[in-house]
Amino acid sequence: MGALLTAMAAKHFIADFLVQTEWMARGKERLRGWGPPLAAHAGVHALGTLAIVAIFRPSLWWLSGIDLTVHWLIDRGKTLCAHRFQFSITDVRFWWLIGFDQFLHQATNIVLSLLMVAL
């Protein structure tokens, strides 16, 4: 279980920080035209999850689709909240929102890992 959780956390770091392009990062935060960049970003996460599932539990390949959907919803929700309340980068609430976003993603990784062990 430790190796699985570590793999999922590493996948998240790689997909969210190393592989995410400026087009994805800025594009998914827009109010218009956000679909393709967000789809690409969530797709990178799903591919990472698929790679991990292929190693640990190949029969659960469909968990990558759950990761894609949940990642999409979390990121879109964060964007809508940030726009609704107009948090600036200097507002502590902006950083709380970023932290909550990351918490939800790691909670998703934990649930996906538990499913890989339990199913």
Protein backbone atom coordinates (compact mmCIF):
# COMPACT_ATOMS: atom_id res chain seq x y z
CA MET A 1 0.00 0.00 0.00
CA GLY A 2 2.88 2.37 0.76
CA ALA A 3 4.36 1.93 -2.70
CA LEU A 4 0.97 2.53 -4.29
CA LEU A 5 0.34 5.73 -2.30
CA THR A 6 3.83 6.96 -3.13
CA ALA A 7 3.32 6.23 -6.82
CA MET A 8 0.00 8.12 -6.83
CA ALA A 9 1.51 11.11 -5.00
CA ALA A 10 4.45 11.17 -7.43
CA LYS A 11 2.05 10.92 -10.38
CA HIS A 12 0.18 13.93 -9.05
CA PHE A 13 3.35 15.97 -8.64
CA ILE A 14 4.54 15.08 -12.14
CA ALA A 15 1.17 15.75 -13.81
CA ASP A 16 0.30 18.92 -11.87
CA PHE A 17 3.70 20.57 -11.74
CA LEU A 18 6.24 19.07 -14.17
CA VAL A 19 4.11 18.14 -17.20
CA GLN A 20 1.39 20.79 -17.00
CA THR A 21 2.07 23.36 -19.71
CA GLU A 22 1.33 27.06 -19.49
CA TRP A 23 -1.47 26.50 -22.02
CA MET A 24 -3.09 23.99 -19.65
CA ALA A 25 -2.48 26.00 -16.48
CA ARG A 26 -3.75 29.32 -17.80
CA GLY A 27 -6.33 27.90 -20.18
CA LYS A 28 -8.21 25.80 -17.62
CA GLU A 29 -8.65 28.92 -15.45
CA ARG A 30 -10.49 30.89 -18.12
CA LEU A 31 -14.24 31.40 -18.16
CA ARG A 32 -14.36 30.71 -21.92
CA GLY A 33 -12.36 28.19 -23.92
CA TRP A 34 -11.39 26.29 -20.77
CA GLY A 35 -12.56 22.86 -21.99
CA PRO A 36 -9.62 21.73 -24.14
CA PRO A 37 -6.88 22.79 -21.70
CA LEU A 38 -8.71 21.24 -18.75
CA ALA A 39 -9.38 18.06 -20.73
CA ALA A 40 -5.68 17.82 -21.62
CA HIS A 41 -4.63 18.39 -18.03
CA ALA A 42 -7.10 15.90 -16.55
CA GLY A 43 -6.13 13.49 -19.34
CA VAL A 44 -2.48 13.61 -18.26
CA HIS A 45 -3.60 12.67 -14.74
CA ALA A 46 -5.73 9.83 -16.11
CA LEU A 47 -2.82 8.50 -18.18
CA GLY A 48 -0.59 8.57 -15.11
CA THR A 49 -3.19 6.68 -13.12
CA LEU A 50 -3.58 4.19 -15.97
CA ALA A 51 0.17 3.55 -15.90
CA ILE A 52 0.07 2.90 -12.14
CA VAL A 53 -3.00 0.69 -12.42
CA ALA A 54 -1.30 -1.26 -15.21
CA ILE A 55 1.49 -2.12 -12.78
CA PHE A 56 -0.57 -2.81 -9.66
CA ARG A 57 -4.03 -3.98 -10.85
CA PRO A 58 -4.47 -3.98 -14.65
CA SER A 59 -8.05 -5.22 -14.45
CA LEU A 60 -9.02 -1.94 -12.78
CA TRP A 61 -8.04 0.16 -15.82
CA TRP A 62 -11.37 2.00 -15.54
CA LEU A 63 -10.15 3.78 -12.39
CA SER A 64 -8.26 6.11 -14.73
CA GLY A 65 -11.61 7.34 -16.03
CA ILE A 66 -12.71 8.08 -12.49
CA ASP A 67 -9.50 10.02 -11.90
CA LEU A 68 -10.06 12.01 -15.10
CA THR A 69 -13.61 12.92 -14.07
CA VAL A 70 -12.82 13.76 -10.45
CA HIS A 71 -9.73 15.79 -11.39
CA TRP A 72 -11.79 17.70 -13.97
CA LEU A 73 -14.52 18.48 -11.40
CA ILE A 74 -12.09 19.57 -8.67
CA ASP A 75 -10.13 21.88 -10.98
CA ARG A 76 -13.24 23.37 -12.55
CA GLY A 77 -14.79 23.92 -9.13
CA LYS A 78 -11.64 25.70 -7.95
CA THR A 79 -11.71 27.97 -10.99
CA LEU A 80 -15.37 28.85 -10.60
CA CYS A 81 -14.85 29.60 -6.91
CA ALA A 82 -11.81 31.78 -7.60
CA HIS A 83 -13.70 33.74 -10.27
CA ARG A 84 -16.85 34.05 -8.17
CA PHE A 85 -15.03 35.48 -5.17
CA GLN A 86 -12.29 37.22 -7.21
CA PHE A 87 -9.43 36.06 -5.00
CA SER A 88 -6.17 37.75 -5.93
CA ILE A 89 -2.83 36.02 -5.56
CA THR A 90 -2.11 38.24 -2.54
CA ASP A 91 -5.33 37.18 -0.76
CA VAL A 92 -4.78 34.43 1.82
CA ARG A 93 -8.09 32.90 0.71
CA PHE A 94 -6.56 32.28 -2.73
CA TRP A 95 -3.88 30.11 -1.09
CA TRP A 96 -6.47 28.36 1.08
CA LEU A 97 -8.31 27.50 -2.14
CA ILE A 98 -5.12 26.17 -3.74
CA GLY A 99 -4.40 24.12 -0.62
CA PHE A 100 -7.94 22.72 -0.55
CA ASP A 101 -7.62 21.83 -4.24
CA GLN A 102 -4.42 19.89 -3.50
CA PHE A 103 -6.03 18.23 -0.47
CA LEU A 104 -8.94 17.01 -2.61
CA HIS A 105 -6.55 15.64 -5.24
CA GLN A 106 -4.54 13.73 -2.63
CA ALA A 107 -7.75 12.43 -1.03
CA THR A 108 -8.73 11.19 -4.50
CA ASN A 109 -5.36 9.45 -4.81
CA ILE A 110 -5.90 7.75 -1.44
CA VAL A 111 -9.37 6.54 -2.43
CA LEU A 112 -8.10 5.26 -5.79
CA SER A 113 -5.27 3.45 -4.00
CA LEU A 114 -7.69 1.88 -1.53
CA LEU A 115 -9.86 0.73 -4.43
CA MET A 116 -6.84 -0.87 -6.11
CA VAL A 117 -6.19 -2.84 -2.93
CA ALA A 118 -9.81 -3.65 -2.03
CA LEU A 119 -11.32 -4.63 -5.40
